[in-house]
Amino acid sequence: MAPTPYVPLPPEVFDAPLPVVAYADEPDAVELDLRIERMMDELDDWRNDREVRLLQAVVLDLHALEFPEDELLGREAMAAAWILRETDDSLGTSTGKHPPFADEWHSSGASRPYVRQEYLQYRTRPAAEPVPAAAVPEPTAPVEPRRVWWDRLLDPIFTKWLGWQRIEE
């Protein structure tokens, strides 16, 4: 069965979850932060773990909601949300109703509502694994990596430095 193509919704009916809905009955940001630290201690490669990235974006979003006058905090929350959208888009790990770069996100306050959508999905079905994007086909012939480096150019007679040269193999 072929997947259903995505059809964008008009902005007036866009159903991005509100913070009250997405973060209902959840622990405060400090408790979530401690949970992230425990996860980072347990995971070998926590930088590539989607759950850690999602929870970090949630913590920053909660702090930004708590202190709306702090513009720097708001920008940090937006940056963490953008990173989550970028990685979900490139890895195909989005679990919410709307894909990471749907047109609706531009009309609803950019990336932070996307974090709320993904967190609501994470909360309601934490055991569900995200479906990865279609696999990229392997190249038919192996591509040899090229070595490129820079080396000093020396005049062999006077041993005078003439600049840098690019060497490729």
N, C-alpha and C. Protein backbone atom coordinates (compact mmCIF):
# COMPACT_ATOMS: atom_id res chain seq x y z
N MET A 1 0.84 -1.18 0.00
CA MET A 1 0.00 0.00 0.00
C MET A 1 0.89 1.24 0.00
N ALA A 2 0.69 2.13 -0.93
CA ALA A 2 1.50 3.34 -1.06
C ALA A 2 1.10 4.34 0.02
N PRO A 3 2.08 5.10 0.55
CA PRO A 3 1.74 6.09 1.57
C PRO A 3 0.88 7.21 0.98
N THR A 4 0.02 7.75 1.81
CA THR A 4 -0.86 8.83 1.39
C THR A 4 -0.03 10.09 1.23
N PRO A 5 -0.16 10.81 0.10
CA PRO A 5 0.62 12.04 -0.06
C PRO A 5 0.16 13.08 0.94
N TYR A 6 1.10 13.93 1.35
CA TYR A 6 0.80 14.96 2.33
C TYR A 6 0.11 16.14 1.65
N VAL A 7 -1.02 16.55 2.21
CA VAL A 7 -1.76 17.70 1.69
C VAL A 7 -1.77 18.76 2.78
N PRO A 8 -1.17 19.94 2.52
CA PRO A 8 -1.12 20.98 3.56
C PRO A 8 -2.50 21.51 3.92
N LEU A 9 -2.64 21.90 5.17
CA LEU A 9 -3.89 22.50 5.63
C LEU A 9 -3.79 24.02 5.56
N PRO A 10 -4.89 24.70 5.34
CA PRO A 10 -4.83 26.16 5.40
C PRO A 10 -4.51 26.60 6.83
N PRO A 11 -3.86 27.78 7.00
CA PRO A 11 -3.44 28.22 8.33
C PRO A 11 -4.56 28.32 9.35
N GLU A 12 -5.79 28.64 8.90
CA GLU A 12 -6.87 28.81 9.88
C GLU A 12 -7.34 27.50 10.49
N VAL A 13 -7.02 26.35 9.87
CA VAL A 13 -7.44 25.08 10.46
C VAL A 13 -6.23 24.24 10.89
N PHE A 14 -5.06 24.84 10.95
CA PHE A 14 -3.86 24.12 11.36
C PHE A 14 -3.99 23.74 12.83
N ASP A 15 -3.75 22.48 13.13
CA ASP A 15 -3.99 21.97 14.47
C ASP A 15 -2.71 21.69 15.25
N ALA A 16 -1.80 22.65 15.26
CA ALA A 16 -0.60 22.50 16.07
C ALA A 16 -1.02 22.53 17.54
N PRO A 17 -0.49 21.61 18.35
CA PRO A 17 -0.91 21.59 19.75
C PRO A 17 -0.43 22.82 20.52
N LEU A 18 -1.27 23.30 21.37
CA LEU A 18 -0.90 24.42 22.24
C LEU A 18 -0.02 23.89 23.38
N PRO A 19 0.80 24.75 23.97
CA PRO A 19 1.64 24.29 25.08
C PRO A 19 0.85 23.66 26.22
N VAL A 20 -0.35 24.19 26.48
CA VAL A 20 -1.18 23.65 27.56
C VAL A 20 -1.52 22.19 27.29
N VAL A 21 -1.76 21.86 26.03
CA VAL A 21 -2.10 20.49 25.65
C VAL A 21 -0.86 19.61 25.61
N ALA A 22 0.18 20.10 24.97
CA ALA A 22 1.39 19.28 24.78
C ALA A 22 2.10 18.99 26.09
N TYR A 23 2.10 19.95 26.99
CA TYR A 23 2.85 19.78 28.25
C TYR A 23 1.94 19.56 29.46
N ALA A 24 0.70 19.13 29.23
CA ALA A 24 -0.24 18.88 30.33
C ALA A 24 0.26 17.73 31.20
N ASP A 25 0.15 17.89 32.50
CA ASP A 25 0.52 16.86 33.48
C ASP A 25 1.96 16.38 33.33
N GLU A 26 2.83 17.23 32.86
CA GLU A 26 4.24 16.87 32.70
C GLU A 26 5.05 17.48 33.82
N PRO A 27 6.19 16.87 34.11
CA PRO A 27 7.05 17.46 35.13
C PRO A 27 7.60 18.80 34.64
N ASP A 28 8.10 19.58 35.58
CA ASP A 28 8.64 20.87 35.18
C ASP A 28 9.96 20.70 34.43
N ALA A 29 10.47 21.80 33.92
CA ALA A 29 11.66 21.75 33.07
C ALA A 29 12.88 21.22 33.82
N VAL A 30 12.99 21.52 35.10
CA VAL A 30 14.15 21.05 35.87
C VAL A 30 14.14 19.53 35.97
N GLU A 31 12.99 18.95 36.22
CA GLU A 31 12.88 17.48 36.30
C GLU A 31 13.17 16.83 34.95
N LEU A 32 12.69 17.44 33.87
CA LEU A 32 13.00 16.92 32.54
C LEU A 32 14.49 17.02 32.25
N ASP A 33 15.09 18.11 32.70
CA ASP A 33 16.54 18.30 32.50
C ASP A 33 17.33 17.21 33.22
N LEU A 34 16.92 16.85 34.42
CA LEU A 34 17.58 15.76 35.14
C LEU A 34 17.40 14.43 34.41
N ARG A 35 16.24 14.23 33.83
CA ARG A 35 15.99 13.01 33.05
C ARG A 35 16.91 12.94 31.83
N ILE A 36 17.12 14.08 31.18
CA ILE A 36 18.03 14.13 30.03
C ILE A 36 19.45 13.78 30.48
N GLU A 37 19.88 14.33 31.60
CA GLU A 37 21.23 14.03 32.10
C GLU A 37 21.40 12.55 32.38
N ARG A 38 20.39 11.91 32.98
CA ARG A 38 20.47 10.46 33.21
C ARG A 38 20.56 9.69 31.90
N MET A 39 19.77 10.11 30.91
CA MET A 39 19.82 9.45 29.61
C MET A 39 21.20 9.61 28.97
N MET A 40 21.78 10.79 29.10
CA MET A 40 23.09 11.04 28.51
C MET A 40 24.17 10.19 29.18
N ASP A 41 23.99 9.93 30.48
CA ASP A 41 24.94 9.06 31.18
C ASP A 41 24.83 7.61 30.70
N GLU A 42 23.61 7.19 30.35
CA GLU A 42 23.38 5.80 29.96
C GLU A 42 23.73 5.54 28.50
N LEU A 43 23.60 6.53 27.65
CA LEU A 43 23.82 6.33 26.21
C LEU A 43 25.28 6.59 25.84
N ASP A 44 25.79 5.75 24.95
CA ASP A 44 27.15 5.96 24.46
C ASP A 44 27.21 7.12 23.49
N ASP A 45 26.26 7.19 22.57
CA ASP A 45 26.25 8.21 21.54
C ASP A 45 25.00 9.06 21.68
N TRP A 46 24.91 9.84 22.75
CA TRP A 46 23.70 10.60 23.03
C TRP A 46 23.50 11.76 22.06
N ARG A 47 24.56 12.21 21.40
CA ARG A 47 24.40 13.34 20.47
C ARG A 47 23.55 12.97 19.26
N ASN A 48 23.50 11.68 18.93
CA ASN A 48 22.70 11.24 17.79
C ASN A 48 21.37 10.64 18.21
N ASP A 49 21.00 10.78 19.46
CA ASP A 49 19.76 10.19 19.95
C ASP A 49 18.62 11.20 19.81
N ARG A 50 17.58 10.82 19.09
CA ARG A 50 16.46 11.71 18.84
C ARG A 50 15.72 12.07 20.12
N GLU A 51 15.58 11.11 21.01
CA GLU A 51 14.86 11.37 22.25
C GLU A 51 15.54 12.47 23.07
N VAL A 52 16.86 12.44 23.11
CA VAL A 52 17.60 13.47 23.84
C VAL A 52 17.39 14.82 23.17
N ARG A 53 17.50 14.86 21.85
CA ARG A 53 17.29 16.12 21.12
C ARG A 53 15.88 16.66 21.35
N LEU A 54 14.90 15.78 21.32
CA LEU A 54 13.52 16.19 21.52
C LEU A 54 13.33 16.75 22.93
N LEU A 55 13.82 16.06 23.93
CA LEU A 55 13.64 16.52 25.31
C LEU A 55 14.42 17.81 25.58
N GLN A 56 15.58 17.97 24.96
CA GLN A 56 16.31 19.24 25.11
C GLN A 56 15.50 20.40 24.52
N ALA A 57 14.89 20.17 23.37
CA ALA A 57 14.06 21.21 22.75
C ALA A 57 12.84 21.51 23.62
N VAL A 58 12.27 20.47 24.23
CA VAL A 58 11.12 20.66 25.11
C VAL A 58 11.50 21.48 26.34
N VAL A 59 12.64 21.17 26.94
CA VAL A 59 13.08 21.92 28.13
C VAL A 59 13.28 23.39 27.78
N LEU A 60 13.92 23.68 26.66
CA LEU A 60 14.12 25.07 26.26
C LEU A 60 12.80 25.75 25.95
N ASP A 61 11.87 25.03 25.33
CA ASP A 61 10.55 25.60 25.05
C ASP A 61 9.82 25.91 26.35
N LEU A 62 9.88 25.01 27.32
CA LEU A 62 9.24 25.26 28.62
C LEU A 62 9.85 26.47 29.31
N HIS A 63 11.17 26.59 29.29
CA HIS A 63 11.82 27.76 29.90
C HIS A 63 11.42 29.04 29.17
N ALA A 64 11.38 28.99 27.84
CA ALA A 64 10.99 30.18 27.08
C ALA A 64 9.53 30.57 27.34
N LEU A 65 8.68 29.58 27.56
CA LEU A 65 7.29 29.89 27.90
C LEU A 65 7.17 30.48 29.31
N GLU A 66 8.03 30.01 30.20
CA GLU A 66 8.01 30.50 31.58
C GLU A 66 8.54 31.93 31.69
N PHE A 67 9.53 32.25 30.84
CA PHE A 67 10.15 33.58 30.86
C PHE A 67 10.06 34.22 29.47
N PRO A 68 8.87 34.66 29.06
CA PRO A 68 8.70 35.19 27.70
C PRO A 68 9.48 36.47 27.43
N GLU A 69 9.86 37.19 28.47
CA GLU A 69 10.59 38.44 28.27
C GLU A 69 12.07 38.20 27.94
N ASP A 70 12.56 37.00 28.15
CA ASP A 70 13.97 36.67 27.87
C ASP A 70 14.11 36.28 26.39
N GLU A 71 14.56 37.23 25.58
CA GLU A 71 14.66 37.01 24.13
C GLU A 71 15.72 35.97 23.79
N LEU A 72 16.81 35.96 24.52
CA LEU A 72 17.88 34.99 24.26
C LEU A 72 17.37 33.57 24.48
N LEU A 73 16.63 33.37 25.54
CA LEU A 73 16.05 32.05 25.81
C LEU A 73 15.08 31.64 24.71
N GLY A 74 14.30 32.60 24.23
CA GLY A 74 13.39 32.31 23.12
C GLY A 74 14.13 31.91 21.86
N ARG A 75 15.24 32.58 21.59
CA ARG A 75 16.04 32.23 20.40
C ARG A 75 16.70 30.86 20.56
N GLU A 76 17.15 30.54 21.80
CA GLU A 76 17.73 29.21 22.03
C GLU A 76 16.68 28.11 21.83
N ALA A 77 15.47 28.36 22.31
CA ALA A 77 14.38 27.39 22.11
C ALA A 77 14.08 27.23 20.63
N MET A 78 14.08 28.33 19.89
CA MET A 78 13.83 28.26 18.46
C MET A 78 14.95 27.50 17.75
N ALA A 79 16.19 27.72 18.17
CA ALA A 79 17.32 27.03 17.54
C ALA A 79 17.26 25.53 17.81
N ALA A 80 16.94 25.14 19.04
CA ALA A 80 16.83 23.71 19.36
C ALA A 80 15.68 23.07 18.57
N ALA A 81 14.59 23.80 18.42
CA ALA A 81 13.46 23.29 17.63
C ALA A 81 13.86 23.16 16.16
N TRP A 82 14.61 24.12 15.66
CA TRP A 82 15.04 24.06 14.26
C TRP A 82 15.96 22.86 14.03
N ILE A 83 16.86 22.60 14.97
CA ILE A 83 17.75 21.44 14.85
C ILE A 83 16.94 20.15 14.84
N LEU A 84 15.93 20.08 15.70
CA LEU A 84 15.07 18.89 15.71
C LEU A 84 14.36 18.72 14.37
N ARG A 85 13.83 19.81 13.82
CA ARG A 85 13.17 19.74 12.51
C ARG A 85 14.13 19.30 11.42
N GLU A 86 15.33 19.88 11.43
CA GLU A 86 16.34 19.54 10.41
C GLU A 86 16.70 18.05 10.47
N THR A 87 16.98 17.56 11.67
CA THR A 87 17.40 16.16 11.79
C THR A 87 16.24 15.22 11.52
N ASP A 88 15.04 15.57 11.95
CA ASP A 88 13.88 14.73 11.64
C ASP A 88 13.64 14.69 10.13
N ASP A 89 13.84 15.82 9.48
CA ASP A 89 13.65 15.86 8.04
C ASP A 89 14.71 15.03 7.31
N SER A 90 15.96 15.16 7.73
CA SER A 90 17.02 14.44 7.02
C SER A 90 17.01 12.94 7.33
N LEU A 91 16.62 12.56 8.55
CA LEU A 91 16.63 11.15 8.92
C LEU A 91 15.26 10.49 8.77
N GLY A 92 14.23 11.28 8.55
CA GLY A 92 12.88 10.72 8.41
C GLY A 92 12.33 10.18 9.71
N THR A 93 12.65 10.83 10.83
CA THR A 93 12.24 10.31 12.13
C THR A 93 11.07 11.07 12.75
N SER A 94 10.39 11.88 11.98
CA SER A 94 9.23 12.60 12.49
C SER A 94 8.10 11.61 12.77
N THR A 95 7.42 11.78 13.90
CA THR A 95 6.32 10.88 14.24
C THR A 95 4.97 11.60 14.26
N GLY A 96 4.98 12.91 14.13
CA GLY A 96 3.74 13.68 14.22
C GLY A 96 2.94 13.69 12.94
N LYS A 97 1.79 14.35 13.03
CA LYS A 97 0.86 14.41 11.91
C LYS A 97 1.41 15.22 10.74
N HIS A 98 2.11 16.31 11.04
CA HIS A 98 2.63 17.19 10.01
C HIS A 98 4.15 17.00 9.88
N PRO A 99 4.66 16.88 8.66
CA PRO A 99 6.10 16.67 8.49
C PRO A 99 6.91 17.90 8.93
N PRO A 100 8.22 17.72 9.12
CA PRO A 100 9.04 18.80 9.68
C PRO A 100 9.01 20.11 8.90
N PHE A 101 8.95 20.06 7.59
CA PHE A 101 8.97 21.30 6.83
C PHE A 101 7.69 21.53 6.06
N ALA A 102 6.58 21.23 6.73
CA ALA A 102 5.27 21.52 6.15
C ALA A 102 5.07 23.04 6.13
N ASP A 103 4.31 23.51 5.17
CA ASP A 103 4.08 24.95 5.04
C ASP A 103 3.40 25.54 6.28
N GLU A 104 2.62 24.73 6.98
CA GLU A 104 1.88 25.23 8.15
C GLU A 104 2.81 25.75 9.24
N TRP A 105 3.98 25.17 9.38
CA TRP A 105 4.87 25.62 10.45
C TRP A 105 5.29 27.07 10.26
N HIS A 106 5.36 27.53 9.03
CA HIS A 106 5.74 28.91 8.77
C HIS A 106 4.67 29.89 9.23
N SER A 107 3.41 29.46 9.20
CA SER A 107 2.32 30.36 9.57
C SER A 107 1.95 30.24 11.04
N SER A 108 2.56 29.32 11.76
CA SER A 108 2.12 29.11 13.15
C SER A 108 3.21 29.41 14.17
N GLY A 109 4.20 30.20 13.82
CA GLY A 109 5.21 30.55 14.81
C GLY A 109 6.47 29.72 14.67
N ALA A 110 6.74 29.23 13.50
CA ALA A 110 7.99 28.53 13.16
C ALA A 110 8.13 27.19 13.86
N SER A 111 9.25 26.94 14.49
CA SER A 111 9.63 25.58 14.88
C SER A 111 9.13 25.11 16.24
N ARG A 112 8.87 26.00 17.15
CA ARG A 112 8.50 25.55 18.49
C ARG A 112 7.19 24.76 18.52
N PRO A 113 6.17 25.10 17.73
CA PRO A 113 4.98 24.24 17.70
C PRO A 113 5.29 22.83 17.18
N TYR A 114 6.31 22.73 16.32
CA TYR A 114 6.70 21.39 15.83
C TYR A 114 7.21 20.55 16.99
N VAL A 115 7.97 21.14 17.90
CA VAL A 115 8.47 20.42 19.09
C VAL A 115 7.29 19.95 19.92
N ARG A 116 6.29 20.80 20.08
CA ARG A 116 5.10 20.41 20.87
C ARG A 116 4.36 19.26 20.22
N GLN A 117 4.24 19.29 18.89
CA GLN A 117 3.59 18.18 18.19
C GLN A 117 4.35 16.88 18.40
N GLU A 118 5.66 16.93 18.24
CA GLU A 118 6.47 15.72 18.38
C GLU A 118 6.48 15.22 19.83
N TYR A 119 6.49 16.14 20.79
CA TYR A 119 6.47 15.73 22.19
C TYR A 119 5.13 15.11 22.56
N LEU A 120 4.06 15.65 22.04
CA LEU A 120 2.75 15.07 22.30
C LEU A 120 2.69 13.64 21.75
N GLN A 121 3.23 13.42 20.57
CA GLN A 121 3.30 12.07 20.01
C GLN A 121 4.21 11.18 20.86
N TYR A 122 5.32 11.71 21.30
CA TYR A 122 6.26 10.96 22.15
C TYR A 122 5.59 10.54 23.45
N ARG A 123 4.82 11.44 24.03
CA ARG A 123 4.14 11.14 25.29
C ARG A 123 3.03 10.12 25.12
N THR A 124 2.28 10.23 24.04
CA THR A 124 1.13 9.35 23.88
C THR A 124 1.51 7.96 23.40
N ARG A 125 2.62 7.83 22.69
CA ARG A 125 3.08 6.51 22.29
C ARG A 125 4.61 6.45 22.32
N PRO A 126 5.17 6.39 23.53
CA PRO A 126 6.63 6.42 23.67
C PRO A 126 7.33 5.19 23.12
N ALA A 127 6.65 4.06 23.02
CA ALA A 127 7.31 2.84 22.57
C ALA A 127 7.37 2.75 21.04
N ALA A 128 6.62 3.60 20.36
CA ALA A 128 6.59 3.52 18.90
C ALA A 128 7.90 4.02 18.31
N GLU A 129 8.44 3.24 17.42
CA GLU A 129 9.67 3.63 16.73
C GLU A 129 9.30 4.48 15.52
N PRO A 130 10.02 5.59 15.29
CA PRO A 130 9.74 6.37 14.09
C PRO A 130 10.09 5.57 12.84
N VAL A 131 9.30 5.79 11.82
CA VAL A 131 9.54 5.08 10.57
C VAL A 131 10.63 5.83 9.80
N PRO A 132 11.75 5.17 9.48
CA PRO A 132 12.82 5.88 8.77
C PRO A 132 12.40 6.19 7.34
N ALA A 133 13.06 7.19 6.78
CA ALA A 133 12.80 7.56 5.39
C ALA A 133 13.28 6.45 4.47
N ALA A 134 12.84 6.53 3.23
CA ALA A 134 13.26 5.51 2.26
C ALA A 134 14.78 5.46 2.19
N ALA A 135 15.31 4.26 2.11
CA ALA A 135 16.75 4.09 2.10
C ALA A 135 17.34 4.66 0.81
N VAL A 136 18.49 5.28 0.96
CA VAL A 136 19.19 5.81 -0.19
C VAL A 136 19.87 4.65 -0.90
N PRO A 137 19.67 4.52 -2.20
CA PRO A 137 20.29 3.38 -2.89
C PRO A 137 21.81 3.48 -2.87
N GLU A 138 22.44 2.34 -2.76
CA GLU A 138 23.89 2.28 -2.77
C GLU A 138 24.41 2.58 -4.16
N PRO A 139 25.56 3.25 -4.26
CA PRO A 139 26.12 3.48 -5.59
C PRO A 139 26.54 2.15 -6.22
N THR A 140 26.47 2.08 -7.53
CA THR A 140 26.78 0.83 -8.21
C THR A 140 28.27 0.52 -8.16
N ALA A 141 29.11 1.51 -8.22
CA ALA A 141 30.55 1.29 -8.14
C ALA A 141 31.08 2.03 -6.92
N PRO A 142 31.97 1.40 -6.18
CA PRO A 142 32.50 2.11 -5.02
C PRO A 142 33.31 3.33 -5.44
N VAL A 143 33.11 4.40 -4.71
CA VAL A 143 33.82 5.64 -4.99
C VAL A 143 35.03 5.70 -4.06
N GLU A 144 36.19 5.84 -4.64
CA GLU A 144 37.41 5.94 -3.84
C GLU A 144 37.50 7.32 -3.20
N PRO A 145 37.74 7.37 -1.92
CA PRO A 145 37.89 8.69 -1.29
C PRO A 145 39.19 9.34 -1.76
N ARG A 146 39.11 10.64 -1.98
CA ARG A 146 40.31 11.36 -2.39
C ARG A 146 40.93 12.00 -1.18
N ARG A 147 42.24 11.93 -1.11
CA ARG A 147 42.97 12.61 -0.05
C ARG A 147 43.38 13.98 -0.56
N VAL A 148 43.06 14.98 0.20
CA VAL A 148 43.45 16.35 -0.14
C VAL A 148 44.11 16.94 1.08
N TRP A 149 45.25 17.54 0.88
CA TRP A 149 45.90 18.24 1.97
C TRP A 149 46.71 19.39 1.42
N TRP A 150 47.11 20.26 2.32
CA TRP A 150 47.90 21.42 1.95
C TRP A 150 49.31 21.22 2.47
N ASP A 151 50.28 21.60 1.65
CA ASP A 151 51.66 21.46 2.04
C ASP A 151 52.39 22.75 1.66
N ARG A 152 53.47 23.01 2.37
CA ARG A 152 54.25 24.21 2.05
C ARG A 152 55.05 23.99 0.78
N LEU A 153 55.13 25.04 -0.01
CA LEU A 153 55.98 25.02 -1.19
C LEU A 153 57.35 25.58 -0.80
N LEU A 154 58.37 24.78 -0.98
CA LEU A 154 59.72 25.24 -0.69
C LEU A 154 60.53 25.27 -1.97
N ASP A 155 61.31 26.30 -2.12
CA ASP A 155 62.24 26.36 -3.24
C ASP A 155 63.39 25.40 -2.92
N PRO A 156 63.60 24.36 -3.74
CA PRO A 156 64.62 23.36 -3.39
C PRO A 156 66.04 23.91 -3.35
N ILE A 157 66.31 24.99 -4.06
CA ILE A 157 67.68 25.51 -4.09
C ILE A 157 67.93 26.40 -2.89
N PHE A 158 67.01 27.31 -2.62
CA PHE A 158 67.23 28.28 -1.56
C PHE A 158 66.48 27.95 -0.27
N THR A 159 65.72 26.90 -0.27
CA THR A 159 64.83 26.52 0.84
C THR A 159 64.01 27.72 1.33
N LYS A 160 63.54 28.48 0.38
CA LYS A 160 62.70 29.63 0.68
C LYS A 160 61.24 29.20 0.58
N TRP A 161 60.43 29.63 1.54
CA TRP A 161 59.02 29.28 1.54
C TRP A 161 58.29 30.10 0.50
N LEU A 162 57.56 29.43 -0.41
CA LEU A 162 56.87 30.11 -1.50
C LEU A 162 55.35 30.17 -1.31
N GLY A 163 54.80 29.55 -0.29
CA GLY A 163 53.36 29.55 -0.08
C GLY A 163 52.85 28.13 0.15
N TRP A 164 51.59 27.91 -0.11
CA TRP A 164 50.96 26.61 0.11
C TRP A 164 50.57 26.00 -1.21
N GLN A 165 50.62 24.70 -1.29
CA GLN A 165 50.14 24.01 -2.48
C GLN A 165 49.12 22.96 -2.06
N ARG A 166 48.16 22.76 -2.92
CA ARG A 166 47.12 21.76 -2.66
C ARG A 166 47.54 20.47 -3.35
N ILE A 167 47.53 19.37 -2.59
CA ILE A 167 47.93 18.07 -3.11
C ILE A 167 46.72 17.15 -3.06
N GLU A 168 46.43 16.52 -4.20
CA GLU A 168 45.32 15.58 -4.26
C GLU A 168 45.85 14.23 -4.73
N GLU A 169 45.31 13.19 -4.16
CA GLU A 169 45.67 11.84 -4.60
C GLU A 169 44.46 11.17 -5.18
